[in-house]
């Protein structure tokens, strides 16, 4: 067994969002997502088969939902996104990393 640090191993340059599976099985996936100015494509929505619980560990982001106003997330903010709740990331801080912890279940 070995411990790891959620804030280590962050690339100096992020040309695209980084998704890393930290743990999981066929029912649950836990991942670290690192963004730096990235956002979802303008067209289309995430429409996921599983629920997703997200926590912003560091940085800032804005999520938009098809049927409601945008939600601003700051460090420490978390939310549960039900399966098939259409959403997208419309902004992440372009000057600093946004580090997410996401649990898909």
PDB file of N, CA and C in Angstrom:
ATOM      1  N   UNK A   1       0.851  -1.173   0.000  1.00  0.00           N
ATOM      2  CA  UNK A   1       0.000   0.000   0.000  1.00  0.00           C
ATOM      3  C   UNK A   1       0.893   1.232   0.000  1.00  0.00           C
ATOM      4  N   UNK A   2       0.414   2.258  -0.680  1.00  0.00           N
ATOM      5  CA  UNK A   2       1.167   3.496  -0.784  1.00  0.00           C
ATOM      6  C   UNK A   2       0.183   4.663  -0.759  1.00  0.00           C
ATOM      7  N   UNK A   3       0.546   5.721  -0.073  1.00  0.00           N
ATOM      8  CA  UNK A   3      -0.311   6.908  -0.072  1.00  0.00           C
ATOM      9  C   UNK A   3       0.040   7.787  -1.268  1.00  0.00           C
ATOM     10  N   UNK A   4      -0.903   8.618  -1.652  1.00  0.00           N
ATOM     11  CA  UNK A   4      -0.728   9.563  -2.749  1.00  0.00           C
ATOM     12  C   UNK A   4      -1.251  10.921  -2.296  1.00  0.00           C
ATOM     13  N   UNK A   5      -0.885  11.963  -3.003  1.00  0.00           N
ATOM     14  CA  UNK A   5      -1.348  13.308  -2.684  1.00  0.00           C
ATOM     15  C   UNK A   5      -2.140  13.849  -3.866  1.00  0.00           C
ATOM     16  N   UNK A   6      -3.349  14.301  -3.614  1.00  0.00           N
ATOM     17  CA  UNK A   6      -4.261  14.774  -4.666  1.00  0.00           C
ATOM     18  C   UNK A   6      -3.691  15.982  -5.410  1.00  0.00           C
ATOM     19  N   UNK A   7      -2.776  16.730  -4.766  1.00  0.00           N
ATOM     20  CA  UNK A   7      -2.213  17.938  -5.371  1.00  0.00           C
ATOM     21  C   UNK A   7      -0.860  17.713  -6.044  1.00  0.00           C
ATOM     22  N   UNK A   8      -0.373  16.486  -6.053  1.00  0.00           N
ATOM     23  CA  UNK A   8       0.924  16.227  -6.684  1.00  0.00           C
ATOM     24  C   UNK A   8       0.734  15.731  -8.117  1.00  0.00           C
ATOM     25  N   UNK A   9       1.812  15.830  -8.882  1.00  0.00           N
ATOM     26  CA  UNK A   9       1.786  15.325 -10.249  1.00  0.00           C
ATOM     27  C   UNK A   9       0.972  16.159 -11.210  1.00  0.00           C
ATOM     28  N   UNK A  10       0.817  17.428 -10.923  1.00  0.00           N
ATOM     29  CA  UNK A  10       0.054  18.311 -11.816  1.00  0.00           C
ATOM     30  C   UNK A  10       1.003  18.810 -12.900  1.00  0.00           C
ATOM     31  N   UNK A  11       0.676  18.570 -14.156  1.00  0.00           N
ATOM     32  CA  UNK A  11       1.555  19.027 -15.237  1.00  0.00           C
ATOM     33  C   UNK A  11       1.698  20.548 -15.238  1.00  0.00           C
ATOM     34  N   UNK A  12       2.858  21.027 -15.636  1.00  0.00           N
ATOM     35  CA  UNK A  12       3.088  22.461 -15.716  1.00  0.00           C
ATOM     36  C   UNK A  12       2.266  23.122 -16.815  1.00  0.00           C
ATOM     37  N   UNK A  13       1.941  22.349 -17.826  1.00  0.00           N
ATOM     38  CA  UNK A  13       1.162  22.872 -18.948  1.00  0.00           C
ATOM     39  C   UNK A  13      -0.043  21.969 -19.169  1.00  0.00           C
ATOM     40  N   UNK A  14      -1.214  22.565 -19.263  1.00  0.00           N
ATOM     41  CA  UNK A  14      -2.445  21.810 -19.479  1.00  0.00           C
ATOM     42  C   UNK A  14      -3.107  22.283 -20.771  1.00  0.00           C
ATOM     43  N   UNK A  15      -2.808  21.612 -21.874  1.00  0.00           N
ATOM     44  CA  UNK A  15      -3.430  21.965 -23.144  1.00  0.00           C
ATOM     45  C   UNK A  15      -4.873  21.484 -23.222  1.00  0.00           C
ATOM     46  N   UNK A  16      -5.174  20.462 -22.428  1.00  0.00           N
ATOM     47  CA  UNK A  16      -6.539  19.959 -22.351  1.00  0.00           C
ATOM     48  C   UNK A  16      -6.803  19.491 -20.930  1.00  0.00           C
ATOM     49  N   UNK A  17      -8.069  19.327 -20.587  1.00  0.00           N
ATOM     50  CA  UNK A  17      -8.412  18.851 -19.255  1.00  0.00           C
ATOM     51  C   UNK A  17      -7.786  17.485 -19.021  1.00  0.00           C
ATOM     52  N   UNK A  18      -7.388  17.243 -17.796  1.00  0.00           N
ATOM     53  CA  UNK A  18      -6.765  15.977 -17.425  1.00  0.00           C
ATOM     54  C   UNK A  18      -7.736  15.192 -16.547  1.00  0.00           C
ATOM     55  N   UNK A  19      -8.055  13.970 -16.952  1.00  0.00           N
ATOM     56  CA  UNK A  19      -8.937  13.081 -16.204  1.00  0.00           C
ATOM     57  C   UNK A  19      -8.114  11.894 -15.732  1.00  0.00           C
ATOM     58  N   UNK A  20      -8.091  11.642 -14.424  1.00  0.00           N
ATOM     59  CA  UNK A  20      -7.333  10.531 -13.873  1.00  0.00           C
ATOM     60  C   UNK A  20      -8.221   9.691 -12.962  1.00  0.00           C
ATOM     61  N   UNK A  21      -8.353   8.420 -13.281  1.00  0.00           N
ATOM     62  CA  UNK A  21      -9.096   7.500 -12.432  1.00  0.00           C
ATOM     63  C   UNK A  21      -8.255   7.190 -11.206  1.00  0.00           C
ATOM     64  N   UNK A  22      -8.786   7.478 -10.015  1.00  0.00           N
ATOM     65  CA  UNK A  22      -8.061   7.233  -8.768  1.00  0.00           C
ATOM     66  C   UNK A  22      -8.423   5.889  -8.155  1.00  0.00           C
ATOM     67  N   UNK A  23      -9.676   5.511  -8.278  1.00  0.00           N
ATOM     68  CA  UNK A  23     -10.157   4.244  -7.728  1.00  0.00           C
ATOM     69  C   UNK A  23     -11.519   3.953  -8.339  1.00  0.00           C
ATOM     70  N   UNK A  24     -11.901   2.703  -8.297  1.00  0.00           N
ATOM     71  CA  UNK A  24     -13.223   2.377  -8.795  1.00  0.00           C
ATOM     72  C   UNK A  24     -13.437   0.902  -9.016  1.00  0.00           C
ATOM     73  N   UNK A  25     -14.660   0.599  -9.379  1.00  0.00           N
ATOM     74  CA  UNK A  25     -15.060  -0.746  -9.759  1.00  0.00           C
ATOM     75  C   UNK A  25     -16.192  -0.606 -10.771  1.00  0.00           C
ATOM     76  N   UNK A  26     -16.974  -1.645 -10.980  1.00  0.00           N
ATOM     77  CA  UNK A  26     -18.025  -1.562 -11.996  1.00  0.00           C
ATOM     78  C   UNK A  26     -19.211  -0.697 -11.576  1.00  0.00           C
ATOM     79  N   UNK A  27     -19.258  -0.281 -10.311  1.00  0.00           N
ATOM     80  CA  UNK A  27     -20.382   0.530  -9.828  1.00  0.00           C
ATOM     81  C   UNK A  27     -20.009   1.963  -9.472  1.00  0.00           C
ATOM     82  N   UNK A  28     -18.737   2.197  -9.126  1.00  0.00           N
ATOM     83  CA  UNK A  28     -18.292   3.517  -8.669  1.00  0.00           C
ATOM     84  C   UNK A  28     -16.948   3.841  -9.301  1.00  0.00           C
ATOM     85  N   UNK A  29     -16.783   5.090  -9.725  1.00  0.00           N
ATOM     86  CA  UNK A  29     -15.490   5.566 -10.221  1.00  0.00           C
ATOM     87  C   UNK A  29     -15.181   6.888  -9.528  1.00  0.00           C
ATOM     88  N   UNK A  30     -13.954   7.002  -9.014  1.00  0.00           N
ATOM     89  CA  UNK A  30     -13.503   8.229  -8.366  1.00  0.00           C
ATOM     90  C   UNK A  30     -12.367   8.775  -9.209  1.00  0.00           C
ATOM     91  N   UNK A  31     -12.502  10.028  -9.638  1.00  0.00           N
ATOM     92  CA  UNK A  31     -11.466  10.588 -10.497  1.00  0.00           C
ATOM     93  C   UNK A  31     -11.076  11.991 -10.075  1.00  0.00           C
ATOM     94  N   UNK A  32      -9.839  12.327 -10.433  1.00  0.00           N
ATOM     95  CA  UNK A  32      -9.346  13.689 -10.282  1.00  0.00           C
ATOM     96  C   UNK A  32      -9.404  14.313 -11.667  1.00  0.00           C
ATOM     97  N   UNK A  33      -9.960  15.506 -11.730  1.00  0.00           N
ATOM     98  CA  UNK A  33     -10.020  16.264 -12.979  1.00  0.00           C
ATOM     99  C   UNK A  33      -9.274  17.565 -12.741  1.00  0.00           C
ATOM    100  N   UNK A  34      -8.395  17.918 -13.677  1.00  0.00           N
ATOM    101  CA  UNK A  34      -7.655  19.170 -13.570  1.00  0.00           C
ATOM    102  C   UNK A  34      -7.959  20.002 -14.803  1.00  0.00           C
ATOM    103  N   UNK A  35      -8.430  21.216 -14.568  1.00  0.00           N
ATOM    104  CA  UNK A  35      -8.773  22.152 -15.630  1.00  0.00           C
ATOM    105  C   UNK A  35      -7.964  23.423 -15.447  1.00  0.00           C
ATOM    106  N   UNK A  36      -7.675  24.081 -16.545  1.00  0.00           N
ATOM    107  CA  UNK A  36      -7.037  25.405 -16.480  1.00  0.00           C
ATOM    108  C   UNK A  36      -7.514  26.179 -17.700  1.00  0.00           C
ATOM    109  N   UNK A  37      -8.699  26.765 -17.549  1.00  0.00           N
ATOM    110  CA  UNK A  37      -9.295  27.519 -18.647  1.00  0.00           C
ATOM    111  C   UNK A  37     -10.131  26.674 -19.594  1.00  0.00           C
ATOM    112  N   UNK A  38     -10.115  25.355 -19.424  1.00  0.00           N
ATOM    113  CA  UNK A  38     -10.908  24.511 -20.315  1.00  0.00           C
ATOM    114  C   UNK A  38     -12.383  24.579 -19.946  1.00  0.00           C
ATOM    115  N   UNK A  39     -13.200  24.305 -20.941  1.00  0.00           N
ATOM    116  CA  UNK A  39     -14.646  24.240 -20.740  1.00  0.00           C
ATOM    117  C   UNK A  39     -15.206  23.220 -21.716  1.00  0.00           C
ATOM    118  N   UNK A  40     -16.466  22.888 -21.532  1.00  0.00           N
ATOM    119  CA  UNK A  40     -17.131  21.935 -22.423  1.00  0.00           C
ATOM    120  C   UNK A  40     -17.314  22.559 -23.797  1.00  0.00           C
ATOM    121  N   UNK A  41     -17.454  21.734 -24.829  1.00  0.00           N
ATOM    122  CA  UNK A  41     -17.749  22.280 -26.162  1.00  0.00           C
ATOM    123  C   UNK A  41     -19.036  23.114 -26.142  1.00  0.00           C
ATOM    124  N   UNK A  42     -19.097  24.112 -27.008  1.00  0.00           N
ATOM    125  CA  UNK A  42     -20.272  24.999 -27.062  1.00  0.00           C
ATOM    126  C   UNK A  42     -21.553  24.229 -27.347  1.00  0.00           C
ATOM    127  N   UNK A  43     -21.481  23.261 -28.245  1.00  0.00           N
ATOM    128  CA  UNK A  43     -22.679  22.490 -28.587  1.00  0.00           C
ATOM    129  C   UNK A  43     -22.692  21.193 -27.798  1.00  0.00           C
ATOM    130  N   UNK A  44     -23.858  20.771 -27.420  1.00  0.00           N
ATOM    131  CA  UNK A  44     -24.008  19.510 -26.711  1.00  0.00           C
ATOM    132  C   UNK A  44     -23.918  19.651 -25.206  1.00  0.00           C
ATOM    133  N   UNK A  45     -24.347  18.609 -24.521  1.00  0.00           N
ATOM    134  CA  UNK A  45     -24.386  18.570 -23.060  1.00  0.00           C
ATOM    135  C   UNK A  45     -23.847  17.231 -22.588  1.00  0.00           C
ATOM    136  N   UNK A  46     -23.281  17.206 -21.378  1.00  0.00           N
ATOM    137  CA  UNK A  46     -23.004  15.915 -20.746  1.00  0.00           C
ATOM    138  C   UNK A  46     -24.358  15.341 -20.343  1.00  0.00           C
ATOM    139  N   UNK A  47     -24.602  14.110 -20.695  1.00  0.00           N
ATOM    140  CA  UNK A  47     -25.837  13.397 -20.355  1.00  0.00           C
ATOM    141  C   UNK A  47     -25.403  12.017 -19.888  1.00  0.00           C
ATOM    142  N   UNK A  48     -25.018  11.930 -18.632  1.00  0.00           N
ATOM    143  CA  UNK A  48     -24.343  10.748 -18.111  1.00  0.00           C
ATOM    144  C   UNK A  48     -25.315   9.689 -17.595  1.00  0.00           C
ATOM    145  N   UNK A  49     -24.892   8.450 -17.727  1.00  0.00           N
ATOM    146  CA  UNK A  49     -25.686   7.306 -17.278  1.00  0.00           C
ATOM    147  C   UNK A  49     -25.735   7.188 -15.751  1.00  0.00           C
ATOM    148  N   UNK A  50     -24.696   7.706 -15.074  1.00  0.00           N
ATOM    149  CA  UNK A  50     -24.615   7.578 -13.619  1.00  0.00           C
ATOM    150  C   UNK A  50     -24.686   8.952 -12.953  1.00  0.00           C
ATOM    151  N   UNK A  51     -25.032   8.965 -11.679  1.00  0.00           N
ATOM    152  CA  UNK A  51     -24.957  10.182 -10.874  1.00  0.00           C
ATOM    153  C   UNK A  51     -23.499  10.596 -10.771  1.00  0.00           C
ATOM    154  N   UNK A  52     -23.278  11.905 -10.592  1.00  0.00           N
ATOM    155  CA  UNK A  52     -21.920  12.403 -10.412  1.00  0.00           C
ATOM    156  C   UNK A  52     -21.906  13.405  -9.263  1.00  0.00           C
ATOM    157  N   UNK A  53     -21.076  13.125  -8.271  1.00  0.00           N
ATOM    158  CA  UNK A  53     -20.851  14.049  -7.162  1.00  0.00           C
ATOM    159  C   UNK A  53     -19.514  14.717  -7.422  1.00  0.00           C
ATOM    160  N   UNK A  54     -19.495  16.058  -7.447  1.00  0.00           N
ATOM    161  CA  UNK A  54     -18.256  16.783  -7.726  1.00  0.00           C
ATOM    162  C   UNK A  54     -17.939  17.743  -6.583  1.00  0.00           C
ATOM    163  N   UNK A  55     -16.625  17.889  -6.324  1.00  0.00           N
ATOM    164  CA  UNK A  55     -16.108  18.791  -5.301  1.00  0.00           C
ATOM    165  C   UNK A  55     -14.948  19.562  -5.909  1.00  0.00           C
ATOM    166  N   UNK A  56     -14.978  20.878  -5.782  1.00  0.00           N
ATOM    167  CA  UNK A  56     -13.850  21.693  -6.216  1.00  0.00           C
ATOM    168  C   UNK A  56     -12.884  21.790  -5.040  1.00  0.00           C
ATOM    169  N   UNK A  57     -11.747  21.131  -5.188  1.00  0.00           N
ATOM    170  CA  UNK A  57     -10.724  21.147  -4.141  1.00  0.00           C
ATOM    171  C   UNK A  57      -9.892  22.423  -4.194  1.00  0.00           C
ATOM    172  N   UNK A  58      -9.654  22.904  -5.413  1.00  0.00           N
ATOM    173  CA  UNK A  58      -8.837  24.101  -5.622  1.00  0.00           C
ATOM    174  C   UNK A  58      -9.358  24.788  -6.880  1.00  0.00           C
ATOM    175  N   UNK A  59      -9.391  26.116  -6.863  1.00  0.00           N
ATOM    176  CA  UNK A  59      -9.782  26.859  -8.045  1.00  0.00           C
ATOM    177  C   UNK A  59     -11.248  27.258  -8.049  1.00  0.00           C
ATOM    178  N   UNK A  60     -11.734  27.552  -9.264  1.00  0.00           N
ATOM    179  CA  UNK A  60     -13.105  28.029  -9.455  1.00  0.00           C
ATOM    180  C   UNK A  60     -13.634  27.498 -10.774  1.00  0.00           C
ATOM    181  N   UNK A  61     -14.955  27.350 -10.847  1.00  0.00           N
ATOM    182  CA  UNK A  61     -15.593  26.873 -12.074  1.00  0.00           C
ATOM    183  C   UNK A  61     -17.040  27.335 -12.106  1.00  0.00           C
ATOM    184  N   UNK A  62     -17.615  27.274 -13.299  1.00  0.00           N
ATOM    185  CA  UNK A  62     -19.032  27.561 -13.475  1.00  0.00           C
ATOM    186  C   UNK A  62     -19.636  26.416 -14.271  1.00  0.00           C
ATOM    187  N   UNK A  63     -20.706  25.830 -13.719  1.00  0.00           N
ATOM    188  CA  UNK A  63     -21.456  24.788 -14.411  1.00  0.00           C
ATOM    189  C   UNK A  63     -22.765  25.369 -14.888  1.00  0.00           C
ATOM    190  N   UNK A  64     -23.195  24.940 -16.063  1.00  0.00           N
ATOM    191  CA  UNK A  64     -24.478  25.361 -16.605  1.00  0.00           C
ATOM    192  C   UNK A  64     -25.339  24.124 -16.796  1.00  0.00           C
ATOM    193  N   UNK A  65     -26.614  24.267 -16.504  1.00  0.00           N
ATOM    194  CA  UNK A  65     -27.562  23.176 -16.655  1.00  0.00           C
ATOM    195  C   UNK A  65     -28.599  23.569 -17.690  1.00  0.00           C
ATOM    196  N   UNK A  66     -29.055  22.601 -18.448  1.00  0.00           N
ATOM    197  CA  UNK A  66     -29.988  22.873 -19.544  1.00  0.00           C
ATOM    198  C   UNK A  66     -31.263  23.554 -19.059  1.00  0.00           C
ATOM    199  N   UNK A  67     -31.713  23.227 -17.870  1.00  0.00           N
ATOM    200  CA  UNK A  67     -33.005  23.714 -17.399  1.00  0.00           C
ATOM    201  C   UNK A  67     -32.931  24.696 -16.234  1.00  0.00           C
ATOM    202  N   UNK A  68     -31.737  25.294 -15.994  1.00  0.00           N
ATOM    203  CA  UNK A  68     -31.648  26.276 -14.907  1.00  0.00           C
ATOM    204  C   UNK A  68     -30.434  27.173 -15.104  1.00  0.00           C
ATOM    205  N   UNK A  69     -30.323  28.149 -14.223  1.00  0.00           N
ATOM    206  CA  UNK A  69     -29.215  29.101 -14.307  1.00  0.00           C
ATOM    207  C   UNK A  69     -27.891  28.422 -13.984  1.00  0.00           C
ATOM    208  N   UNK A  70     -26.812  29.098 -14.315  1.00  0.00           N
ATOM    209  CA  UNK A  70     -25.468  28.597 -14.031  1.00  0.00           C
ATOM    210  C   UNK A  70     -25.192  28.617 -12.535  1.00  0.00           C
ATOM    211  N   UNK A  71     -24.300  27.720 -12.121  1.00  0.00           N
ATOM    212  CA  UNK A  71     -23.902  27.623 -10.721  1.00  0.00           C
ATOM    213  C   UNK A  71     -22.397  27.841 -10.630  1.00  0.00           C
ATOM    214  N   UNK A  72     -21.990  28.793  -9.791  1.00  0.00           N
ATOM    215  CA  UNK A  72     -20.578  29.094  -9.570  1.00  0.00           C
ATOM    216  C   UNK A  72     -20.077  28.217  -8.426  1.00  0.00           C
ATOM    217  N   UNK A  73     -18.953  27.570  -8.660  1.00  0.00           N
ATOM    218  CA  UNK A  73     -18.343  26.719  -7.645  1.00  0.00           C
ATOM    219  C   UNK A  73     -16.974  27.280  -7.276  1.00  0.00           C
ATOM    220  N   UNK A  74     -16.731  27.435  -5.991  1.00  0.00           N
ATOM    221  CA  UNK A  74     -15.452  27.882  -5.457  1.00  0.00           C
ATOM    222  C   UNK A  74     -14.834  26.748  -4.652  1.00  0.00           C
ATOM    223  N   UNK A  75     -13.623  26.949  -4.175  1.00  0.00           N
ATOM    224  CA  UNK A  75     -12.953  25.928  -3.384  1.00  0.00           C
ATOM    225  C   UNK A  75     -13.840  25.466  -2.238  1.00  0.00           C
ATOM    226  N   UNK A  76     -13.974  24.164  -2.125  1.00  0.00           N
ATOM    227  CA  UNK A  76     -14.790  23.574  -1.068  1.00  0.00           C
ATOM    228  C   UNK A  76     -16.235  23.334  -1.451  1.00  0.00           C
ATOM    229  N   UNK A  77     -16.690  23.921  -2.548  1.00  0.00           N
ATOM    230  CA  UNK A  77     -18.074  23.723  -2.971  1.00  0.00           C
ATOM    231  C   UNK A  77     -18.230  22.358  -3.641  1.00  0.00           C
ATOM    232  N   UNK A  78     -19.354  21.712  -3.354  1.00  0.00           N
ATOM    233  CA  UNK A  78     -19.643  20.435  -3.990  1.00  0.00           C
ATOM    234  C   UNK A  78     -21.122  20.362  -4.328  1.00  0.00           C
ATOM    235  N   UNK A  79     -21.437  19.441  -5.228  1.00  0.00           N
ATOM    236  CA  UNK A  79     -22.832  19.230  -5.595  1.00  0.00           C
ATOM    237  C   UNK A  79     -23.008  17.843  -6.178  1.00  0.00           C
ATOM    238  N   UNK A  80     -24.232  17.375  -6.147  1.00  0.00           N
ATOM    239  CA  UNK A  80     -24.584  16.093  -6.730  1.00  0.00           C
ATOM    240  C   UNK A  80     -25.365  16.358  -8.014  1.00  0.00           C
ATOM    241  N   UNK A  81     -24.921  15.742  -9.093  1.00  0.00           N
ATOM    242  CA  UNK A  81     -25.592  15.894 -10.384  1.00  0.00           C
ATOM    243  C   UNK A  81     -26.262  14.562 -10.706  1.00  0.00           C
ATOM    244  N   UNK A  82     -27.589  14.521 -10.701  1.00  0.00           N
ATOM    245  CA  UNK A  82     -28.275  13.256 -10.978  1.00  0.00           C
ATOM    246  C   UNK A  82     -28.002  12.754 -12.401  1.00  0.00           C
ATOM    247  N   UNK A  83     -28.099  11.453 -12.562  1.00  0.00           N
ATOM    248  CA  UNK A  83     -27.949  10.851 -13.888  1.00  0.00           C
ATOM    249  C   UNK A  83     -28.903  11.536 -14.868  1.00  0.00           C
ATOM    250  N   UNK A  84     -28.439  11.756 -16.066  1.00  0.00           N
ATOM    251  CA  UNK A  84     -29.193  12.354 -17.178  1.00  0.00           C
ATOM    252  C   UNK A  84     -29.584  13.818 -16.956  1.00  0.00           C
ATOM    253  N   UNK A  85     -29.008  14.464 -15.946  1.00  0.00           N
ATOM    254  CA  UNK A  85     -29.201  15.911 -15.762  1.00  0.00           C
ATOM    255  C   UNK A  85     -28.205  16.583 -16.707  1.00  0.00           C
ATOM    256  N   UNK A  86     -28.683  17.153 -17.779  1.00  0.00           N
ATOM    257  CA  UNK A  86     -27.800  17.720 -18.800  1.00  0.00           C
ATOM    258  C   UNK A  86     -27.076  18.952 -18.262  1.00  0.00           C
ATOM    259  N   UNK A  87     -25.739  18.917 -18.415  1.00  0.00           N
ATOM    260  CA  UNK A  87     -24.904  19.985 -17.861  1.00  0.00           C
ATOM    261  C   UNK A  87     -23.633  20.132 -18.678  1.00  0.00           C
ATOM    262  N   UNK A  88     -22.931  21.237 -18.427  1.00  0.00           N
ATOM    263  CA  UNK A  88     -21.626  21.460 -19.040  1.00  0.00           C
ATOM    264  C   UNK A  88     -20.827  22.434 -18.188  1.00  0.00           C
ATOM    265  N   UNK A  89     -19.522  22.388 -18.361  1.00  0.00           N
ATOM    266  CA  UNK A  89     -18.623  23.340 -17.706  1.00  0.00           C
ATOM    267  C   UNK A  89     -18.483  24.518 -18.661  1.00  0.00           C
ATOM    268  N   UNK A  90     -18.891  25.697 -18.214  1.00  0.00           N
ATOM    269  CA  UNK A  90     -18.835  26.872 -19.091  1.00  0.00           C
ATOM    270  C   UNK A  90     -17.641  27.773 -18.798  1.00  0.00           C
ATOM    271  N   UNK A  91     -16.962  27.530 -17.645  1.00  0.00           N
ATOM    272  CA  UNK A  91     -15.787  28.349 -17.334  1.00  0.00           C
ATOM    273  C   UNK A  91     -14.972  27.669 -16.242  1.00  0.00           C
ATOM    274  N   UNK A  92     -13.655  27.687 -16.406  1.00  0.00           N
ATOM    275  CA  UNK A  92     -12.714  27.392 -15.328  1.00  0.00           C
ATOM    276  C   UNK A  92     -11.641  28.473 -15.373  1.00  0.00           C
ATOM    277  N   UNK A  93     -11.034  28.733 -14.253  1.00  0.00           N
ATOM    278  CA  UNK A  93     -10.037  29.798 -14.128  1.00  0.00           C
ATOM    279  C   UNK A  93      -8.884  29.558 -15.110  1.00  0.00           C
ATOM    280  N   UNK A  94      -8.642  30.493 -16.029  1.00  0.00           N
ATOM    281  CA  UNK A  94      -7.566  30.302 -17.007  1.00  0.00           C
ATOM    282  C   UNK A  94      -6.169  30.544 -16.436  1.00  0.00           C
ATOM    283  N   UNK A  95      -6.089  31.155 -15.252  1.00  0.00           N
ATOM    284  CA  UNK A  95      -4.791  31.498 -14.668  1.00  0.00           C
ATOM    285  C   UNK A  95      -4.314  30.525 -13.595  1.00  0.00           C
ATOM    286  N   UNK A  96      -5.215  29.716 -13.086  1.00  0.00           N
ATOM    287  CA  UNK A  96      -4.886  28.774 -12.015  1.00  0.00           C
ATOM    288  C   UNK A  96      -5.612  27.451 -12.253  1.00  0.00           C
ATOM    289  N   UNK A  97      -5.002  26.372 -11.788  1.00  0.00           N
ATOM    290  CA  UNK A  97      -5.642  25.072 -11.939  1.00  0.00           C
ATOM    291  C   UNK A  97      -6.913  24.996 -11.102  1.00  0.00           C
ATOM    292  N   UNK A  98      -7.910  24.348 -11.666  1.00  0.00           N
ATOM    293  CA  UNK A  98      -9.087  23.951 -10.911  1.00  0.00           C
ATOM    294  C   UNK A  98      -8.979  22.450 -10.756  1.00  0.00           C
ATOM    295  N   UNK A  99      -8.941  21.995  -9.524  1.00  0.00           N
ATOM    296  CA  UNK A  99      -8.813  20.573  -9.244  1.00  0.00           C
ATOM    297  C   UNK A  99     -10.139  20.083  -8.678  1.00  0.00           C
ATOM    298  N   UNK A 100     -10.722  19.135  -9.401  1.00  0.00           N
ATOM    299  CA  UNK A 100     -12.011  18.552  -9.046  1.00  0.00           C
ATOM    300  C   UNK A 100     -11.801  17.140  -8.493  1.00  0.00           C
ATOM    301  N   UNK A 101     -12.659  16.738  -7.594  1.00  0.00           N
ATOM    302  CA  UNK A 101     -12.784  15.343  -7.232  1.00  0.00           C
ATOM    303  C   UNK A 101     -14.191  14.944  -7.658  1.00  0.00           C
ATOM    304  N   UNK A 102     -14.282  13.931  -8.514  1.00  0.00           N
ATOM    305  CA  UNK A 102     -15.582  13.499  -9.034  1.00  0.00           C
ATOM    306  C   UNK A 102     -15.810  12.039  -8.674  1.00  0.00           C
ATOM    307  N   UNK A 103     -17.008  11.770  -8.202  1.00  0.00           N
ATOM    308  CA  UNK A 103     -17.406  10.397  -7.889  1.00  0.00           C
ATOM    309  C   UNK A 103     -18.609  10.077  -8.761  1.00  0.00           C
ATOM    310  N   UNK A 104     -18.434   9.107  -9.635  1.00  0.00           N
ATOM    311  CA  UNK A 104     -19.505   8.640 -10.524  1.00  0.00           C
ATOM    312  C   UNK A 104     -20.075   7.363  -9.904  1.00  0.00           C
ATOM    313  N   UNK A 105     -21.384   7.350  -9.656  1.00  0.00           N
ATOM    314  CA  UNK A 105     -21.989   6.183  -9.009  1.00  0.00           C
ATOM    315  C   UNK A 105     -23.379   5.893  -9.563  1.00  0.00           C
TER     316      UNK A 105
END
